[in-house]
Each structure stands twice: as structure tokens, then as C-alpha cells.
Amino acid sequence: MATEFNDMRLTASLDDLSQWKAFLEKVASRDLITIVETSKPYPNRDSTILHRQYYKVKFNGEIH
């Protein structure tokens, strides 16, 4: 079983980040990952559309 944490950075529109959040929560509800930390969305520099959001996750199984 994996014990290390993995940092994820997602870059997308706010709507897409919302969909990614729902997806990651669904994966977590199946105990495949544990979401340890989530940031708020931050606007990307020089972009009015794209934002970034950070996650810290733990994989709850063997990674092959």
C-alpha cells in the first residue's frame, strides 16, 4: 500500500475545476485515494479564463 502523498496541480476553467473536484471526490468515495488537502482555485497569471487548484492525495492501493 502506498503511504506517500502526491501533489497535484490542475489548470482549467472554474467549471472544469469543479468537475475535476467532483471526479476526485467520487474516486475518494471508493477508497481509491484519500484527499489530504485542497486549495481554493487561484487565477493563472495572464489569463482571464484559466485557474489552478492544488490537491495533496494519497493513493490507497498498489500502483503497478
PDB file of N, CA and C in Angstrom:
ATOM      1  N   MET A   1       0.843  -1.180   0.000  1.00  0.00           N
ATOM      2  CA  MET A   1       0.000   0.000   0.000  1.00  0.00           C
ATOM      3  C   MET A   1       0.885   1.239   0.000  1.00  0.00           C
ATOM      4  N   ALA A   2       0.531   2.200  -0.805  1.00  0.00           N
ATOM      5  CA  ALA A   2       1.295   3.437  -0.896  1.00  0.00           C
ATOM      6  C   ALA A   2       1.059   4.289   0.344  1.00  0.00           C
ATOM      7  N   THR A   3       2.127   4.886   0.853  1.00  0.00           N
ATOM      8  CA  THR A   3       1.984   5.737   2.034  1.00  0.00           C
ATOM      9  C   THR A   3       2.395   7.171   1.767  1.00  0.00           C
ATOM     10  N   GLU A   4       3.011   7.433   0.634  1.00  0.00           N
ATOM     11  CA  GLU A   4       3.461   8.791   0.350  1.00  0.00           C
ATOM     12  C   GLU A   4       2.309   9.632  -0.206  1.00  0.00           C
ATOM     13  N   PHE A   5       2.466  10.924  -0.047  1.00  0.00           N
ATOM     14  CA  PHE A   5       1.489  11.856  -0.580  1.00  0.00           C
ATOM     15  C   PHE A   5       1.952  12.342  -1.940  1.00  0.00           C
ATOM     16  N   ASN A   6       1.008  12.628  -2.793  1.00  0.00           N
ATOM     17  CA  ASN A   6       1.301  13.118  -4.135  1.00  0.00           C
ATOM     18  C   ASN A   6       0.659  14.479  -4.308  1.00  0.00           C
ATOM     19  N   ASP A   7       1.433  15.419  -4.812  1.00  0.00           N
ATOM     20  CA  ASP A   7       0.930  16.762  -5.078  1.00  0.00           C
ATOM     21  C   ASP A   7       0.412  16.829  -6.504  1.00  0.00           C
ATOM     22  N   MET A   8      -0.780  17.364  -6.646  1.00  0.00           N
ATOM     23  CA  MET A   8      -1.395  17.517  -7.961  1.00  0.00           C
ATOM     24  C   MET A   8      -1.704  18.988  -8.179  1.00  0.00           C
ATOM     25  N   ARG A   9      -1.464  19.455  -9.381  1.00  0.00           N
ATOM     26  CA  ARG A   9      -1.844  20.814  -9.773  1.00  0.00           C
ATOM     27  C   ARG A   9      -2.706  20.683 -11.012  1.00  0.00           C
ATOM     28  N   LEU A  10      -3.925  21.168 -10.912  1.00  0.00           N
ATOM     29  CA  LEU A  10      -4.840  21.150 -12.049  1.00  0.00           C
ATOM     30  C   LEU A  10      -4.975  22.567 -12.583  1.00  0.00           C
ATOM     31  N   THR A  11      -4.939  22.716 -13.889  1.00  0.00           N
ATOM     32  CA  THR A  11      -5.130  24.004 -14.540  1.00  0.00           C
ATOM     33  C   THR A  11      -6.283  23.867 -15.513  1.00  0.00           C
ATOM     34  N   ALA A  12      -7.325  24.677 -15.307  1.00  0.00           N
ATOM     35  CA  ALA A  12      -8.523  24.580 -16.134  1.00  0.00           C
ATOM     36  C   ALA A  12      -9.421  25.774 -15.832  1.00  0.00           C
ATOM     37  N   SER A  13     -10.540  25.830 -16.533  1.00  0.00           N
ATOM     38  CA  SER A  13     -11.543  26.858 -16.223  1.00  0.00           C
ATOM     39  C   SER A  13     -12.176  26.515 -14.871  1.00  0.00           C
ATOM     40  N   LEU A  14     -12.860  27.478 -14.276  1.00  0.00           N
ATOM     41  CA  LEU A  14     -13.525  27.213 -12.987  1.00  0.00           C
ATOM     42  C   LEU A  14     -14.552  26.098 -13.103  1.00  0.00           C
ATOM     43  N   ASP A  15     -15.291  26.061 -14.209  1.00  0.00           N
ATOM     44  CA  ASP A  15     -16.273  24.987 -14.406  1.00  0.00           C
ATOM     45  C   ASP A  15     -15.590  23.627 -14.472  1.00  0.00           C
ATOM     46  N   ASP A  16     -14.486  23.558 -15.215  1.00  0.00           N
ATOM     47  CA  ASP A  16     -13.762  22.294 -15.327  1.00  0.00           C
ATOM     48  C   ASP A  16     -13.138  21.892 -13.996  1.00  0.00           C
ATOM     49  N   LEU A  17     -12.627  22.856 -13.234  1.00  0.00           N
ATOM     50  CA  LEU A  17     -12.076  22.532 -11.914  1.00  0.00           C
ATOM     51  C   LEU A  17     -13.160  21.965 -11.000  1.00  0.00           C
ATOM     52  N   SER A  18     -14.358  22.483 -11.123  1.00  0.00           N
ATOM     53  CA  SER A  18     -15.481  21.962 -10.346  1.00  0.00           C
ATOM     54  C   SER A  18     -15.773  20.511 -10.724  1.00  0.00           C
ATOM     55  N   GLN A  19     -15.701  20.210 -12.010  1.00  0.00           N
ATOM     56  CA  GLN A  19     -15.924  18.834 -12.463  1.00  0.00           C
ATOM     57  C   GLN A  19     -14.796  17.915 -12.002  1.00  0.00           C
ATOM     58  N   TRP A  20     -13.555  18.401 -12.022  1.00  0.00           N
ATOM     59  CA  TRP A  20     -12.439  17.610 -11.517  1.00  0.00           C
ATOM     60  C   TRP A  20     -12.605  17.331 -10.028  1.00  0.00           C
ATOM     61  N   LYS A  21     -13.059  18.329  -9.281  1.00  0.00           N
ATOM     62  CA  LYS A  21     -13.280  18.134  -7.842  1.00  0.00           C
ATOM     63  C   LYS A  21     -14.306  17.031  -7.605  1.00  0.00           C
ATOM     64  N   ALA A  22     -15.405  17.066  -8.353  1.00  0.00           N
ATOM     65  CA  ALA A  22     -16.436  16.035  -8.220  1.00  0.00           C
ATOM     66  C   ALA A  22     -15.878  14.655  -8.575  1.00  0.00           C
ATOM     67  N   PHE A  23     -15.060  14.602  -9.620  1.00  0.00           N
ATOM     68  CA  PHE A  23     -14.453  13.327 -10.023  1.00  0.00           C
ATOM     69  C   PHE A  23     -13.530  12.790  -8.926  1.00  0.00           C
ATOM     70  N   LEU A  24     -12.650  13.655  -8.414  1.00  0.00           N
ATOM     71  CA  LEU A  24     -11.729  13.205  -7.369  1.00  0.00           C
ATOM     72  C   LEU A  24     -12.467  12.778  -6.105  1.00  0.00           C
ATOM     73  N   GLU A  25     -13.550  13.471  -5.768  1.00  0.00           N
ATOM     74  CA  GLU A  25     -14.346  13.080  -4.604  1.00  0.00           C
ATOM     75  C   GLU A  25     -15.013  11.730  -4.828  1.00  0.00           C
ATOM     76  N   LYS A  26     -15.439  11.456  -6.061  1.00  0.00           N
ATOM     77  CA  LYS A  26     -16.034  10.149  -6.373  1.00  0.00           C
ATOM     78  C   LYS A  26     -14.984   9.045  -6.251  1.00  0.00           C
ATOM     79  N   VAL A  27     -13.779   9.311  -6.749  1.00  0.00           N
ATOM     80  CA  VAL A  27     -12.689   8.339  -6.619  1.00  0.00           C
ATOM     81  C   VAL A  27     -12.381   8.109  -5.135  1.00  0.00           C
ATOM     82  N   ALA A  28     -12.366   9.186  -4.354  1.00  0.00           N
ATOM     83  CA  ALA A  28     -12.107   9.069  -2.915  1.00  0.00           C
ATOM     84  C   ALA A  28     -13.212   8.295  -2.210  1.00  0.00           C
ATOM     85  N   SER A  29     -14.458   8.461  -2.650  1.00  0.00           N
ATOM     86  CA  SER A  29     -15.570   7.747  -2.014  1.00  0.00           C
ATOM     87  C   SER A  29     -15.466   6.238  -2.225  1.00  0.00           C
ATOM     88  N   ARG A  30     -14.708   5.825  -3.222  1.00  0.00           N
ATOM     89  CA  ARG A  30     -14.468   4.392  -3.479  1.00  0.00           C
ATOM     90  C   ARG A  30     -13.178   3.907  -2.828  1.00  0.00           C
ATOM     91  N   ASP A  31     -12.614   4.748  -1.961  1.00  0.00           N
ATOM     92  CA  ASP A  31     -11.397   4.435  -1.199  1.00  0.00           C
ATOM     93  C   ASP A  31     -10.185   4.138  -2.075  1.00  0.00           C
ATOM     94  N   LEU A  32     -10.174   4.681  -3.286  1.00  0.00           N
ATOM     95  CA  LEU A  32      -9.007   4.512  -4.145  1.00  0.00           C
ATOM     96  C   LEU A  32      -7.935   5.550  -3.830  1.00  0.00           C
ATOM     97  N   ILE A  33      -8.376   6.723  -3.375  1.00  0.00           N
ATOM     98  CA  ILE A  33      -7.460   7.775  -2.943  1.00  0.00           C
ATOM     99  C   ILE A  33      -8.018   8.405  -1.677  1.00  0.00           C
ATOM    100  N   THR A  34      -7.155   9.096  -0.958  1.00  0.00           N
ATOM    101  CA  THR A  34      -7.559   9.944   0.153  1.00  0.00           C
ATOM    102  C   THR A  34      -7.122  11.353  -0.199  1.00  0.00           C
ATOM    103  N   ILE A  35      -8.065  12.279  -0.199  1.00  0.00           N
ATOM    104  CA  ILE A  35      -7.737  13.686  -0.441  1.00  0.00           C
ATOM    105  C   ILE A  35      -7.320  14.280   0.898  1.00  0.00           C
ATOM    106  N   VAL A  36      -6.053  14.646   1.000  1.00  0.00           N
ATOM    107  CA  VAL A  36      -5.491  15.135   2.250  1.00  0.00           C
ATOM    108  C   VAL A  36      -5.662  16.643   2.370  1.00  0.00           C
ATOM    109  N   GLU A  37      -5.518  17.330   1.242  1.00  0.00           N
ATOM    110  CA  GLU A  37      -5.573  18.797   1.256  1.00  0.00           C
ATOM    111  C   GLU A  37      -6.034  19.303  -0.098  1.00  0.00           C
ATOM    112  N   THR A  38      -6.821  20.369  -0.071  1.00  0.00           N
ATOM    113  CA  THR A  38      -7.308  21.005  -1.294  1.00  0.00           C
ATOM    114  C   THR A  38      -7.164  22.511  -1.140  1.00  0.00           C
ATOM    115  N   SER A  39      -6.665  23.152  -2.177  1.00  0.00           N
ATOM    116  CA  SER A  39      -6.579  24.617  -2.143  1.00  0.00           C
ATOM    117  C   SER A  39      -7.818  25.200  -2.808  1.00  0.00           C
ATOM    118  N   LYS A  40      -7.983  26.484  -2.641  1.00  0.00           N
ATOM    119  CA  LYS A  40      -9.006  27.185  -3.408  1.00  0.00           C
ATOM    120  C   LYS A  40      -8.458  27.407  -4.816  1.00  0.00           C
ATOM    121  N   PRO A  41      -9.311  27.645  -5.791  1.00  0.00           N
ATOM    122  CA  PRO A  41      -8.809  27.964  -7.137  1.00  0.00           C
ATOM    123  C   PRO A  41      -8.152  29.345  -7.156  1.00  0.00           C
ATOM    124  N   TYR A  42      -7.003  29.428  -7.817  1.00  0.00           N
ATOM    125  CA  TYR A  42      -6.284  30.684  -7.985  1.00  0.00           C
ATOM    126  C   TYR A  42      -6.268  31.046  -9.461  1.00  0.00           C
ATOM    127  N   PRO A  43      -6.497  32.306  -9.815  1.00  0.00           N
ATOM    128  CA  PRO A  43      -6.402  32.683 -11.232  1.00  0.00           C
ATOM    129  C   PRO A  43      -4.970  32.545 -11.737  1.00  0.00           C
ATOM    130  N   ASN A  44      -4.820  32.022 -12.935  1.00  0.00           N
ATOM    131  CA  ASN A  44      -3.495  31.961 -13.557  1.00  0.00           C
ATOM    132  C   ASN A  44      -3.064  33.358 -13.965  1.00  0.00           C
ATOM    133  N   ARG A  45      -1.783  33.592 -13.915  1.00  0.00           N
ATOM    134  CA  ARG A  45      -1.258  34.881 -14.375  1.00  0.00           C
ATOM    135  C   ARG A  45      -1.520  35.018 -15.868  1.00  0.00           C
ATOM    136  N   ASP A  46      -1.827  36.187 -16.299  1.00  0.00           N
ATOM    137  CA  ASP A  46      -2.024  36.494 -17.720  1.00  0.00           C
ATOM    138  C   ASP A  46      -3.159  35.697 -18.352  1.00  0.00           C
ATOM    139  N   SER A  47      -4.143  35.281 -17.553  1.00  0.00           N
ATOM    140  CA  SER A  47      -5.277  34.543 -18.111  1.00  0.00           C
ATOM    141  C   SER A  47      -6.549  34.955 -17.383  1.00  0.00           C
ATOM    142  N   THR A  48      -7.577  35.223 -18.141  1.00  0.00           N
ATOM    143  CA  THR A  48      -8.865  35.544 -17.530  1.00  0.00           C
ATOM    144  C   THR A  48      -9.749  34.307 -17.435  1.00  0.00           C
ATOM    145  N   ILE A  49      -9.345  33.231 -18.086  1.00  0.00           N
ATOM    146  CA  ILE A  49     -10.165  32.015 -18.127  1.00  0.00           C
ATOM    147  C   ILE A  49      -9.613  30.924 -17.210  1.00  0.00           C
ATOM    148  N   LEU A  50      -8.313  30.691 -17.275  1.00  0.00           N
ATOM    149  CA  LEU A  50      -7.722  29.557 -16.567  1.00  0.00           C
ATOM    150  C   LEU A  50      -7.411  29.871 -15.109  1.00  0.00           C
ATOM    151  N   HIS A  51      -7.643  28.856 -14.289  1.00  0.00           N
ATOM    152  CA  HIS A  51      -7.317  28.905 -12.870  1.00  0.00           C
ATOM    153  C   HIS A  51      -6.514  27.647 -12.544  1.00  0.00           C
ATOM    154  N   ARG A  52      -5.869  27.664 -11.396  1.00  0.00           N
ATOM    155  CA  ARG A  52      -5.157  26.482 -10.946  1.00  0.00           C
ATOM    156  C   ARG A  52      -5.645  26.114  -9.550  1.00  0.00           C
ATOM    157  N   GLN A  53      -5.591  24.823  -9.267  1.00  0.00           N
ATOM    158  CA  GLN A  53      -6.012  24.330  -7.960  1.00  0.00           C
ATOM    159  C   GLN A  53      -5.080  23.192  -7.574  1.00  0.00           C
ATOM    160  N   TYR A  54      -4.708  23.158  -6.317  1.00  0.00           N
ATOM    161  CA  TYR A  54      -3.745  22.183  -5.825  1.00  0.00           C
ATOM    162  C   TYR A  54      -4.437  21.164  -4.931  1.00  0.00           C
ATOM    163  N   TYR A  55      -4.012  19.916  -5.080  1.00  0.00           N
ATOM    164  CA  TYR A  55      -4.501  18.817  -4.250  1.00  0.00           C
ATOM    165  C   TYR A  55      -3.305  18.055  -3.711  1.00  0.00           C
ATOM    166  N   LYS A  56      -3.448  17.552  -2.511  1.00  0.00           N
ATOM    167  CA  LYS A  56      -2.498  16.594  -1.962  1.00  0.00           C
ATOM    168  C   LYS A  56      -3.308  15.324  -1.729  1.00  0.00           C
ATOM    169  N   VAL A  57      -2.897  14.243  -2.387  1.00  0.00           N
ATOM    170  CA  VAL A  57      -3.653  12.986  -2.307  1.00  0.00           C
ATOM    171  C   VAL A  57      -2.720  11.844  -1.935  1.00  0.00           C
ATOM    172  N   LYS A  58      -3.339  10.803  -1.390  1.00  0.00           N
ATOM    173  CA  LYS A  58      -2.637   9.558  -1.091  1.00  0.00           C
ATOM    174  C   LYS A  58      -3.342   8.458  -1.859  1.00  0.00           C
ATOM    175  N   PHE A  59      -2.595   7.674  -2.600  1.00  0.00           N
ATOM    176  CA  PHE A  59      -3.160   6.528  -3.304  1.00  0.00           C
ATOM    177  C   PHE A  59      -3.318   5.392  -2.316  1.00  0.00           C
ATOM    178  N   ASN A  60      -4.494   4.760  -2.290  1.00  0.00           N
ATOM    179  CA  ASN A  60      -4.795   3.731  -1.301  1.00  0.00           C
ATOM    180  C   ASN A  60      -4.688   2.324  -1.859  1.00  0.00           C
ATOM    181  N   GLY A  61      -3.696   2.059  -2.622  1.00  0.00           N
ATOM    182  CA  GLY A  61      -3.552   0.717  -3.171  1.00  0.00           C
ATOM    183  C   GLY A  61      -2.209   0.576  -3.833  1.00  0.00           C
ATOM    184  N   GLU A  62      -2.015  -0.564  -4.421  1.00  0.00           N
ATOM    185  CA  GLU A  62      -0.772  -0.839  -5.127  1.00  0.00           C
ATOM    186  C   GLU A  62      -0.769  -0.103  -6.461  1.00  0.00           C
ATOM    187  N   ILE A  63       0.330   0.478  -6.786  1.00  0.00           N
ATOM    188  CA  ILE A  63       0.497   1.145  -8.069  1.00  0.00           C
ATOM    189  C   ILE A  63       1.464   0.301  -8.887  1.00  0.00           C
ATOM    190  N   HIS A  64       1.005  -0.143 -10.031  1.00  0.00           N
ATOM    191  CA  HIS A  64       1.846  -1.028 -10.867  1.00  0.00           C
ATOM    192  C   HIS A  64       2.382  -0.283 -12.051  1.00  0.00           C
TER     193      HIS A  64
END
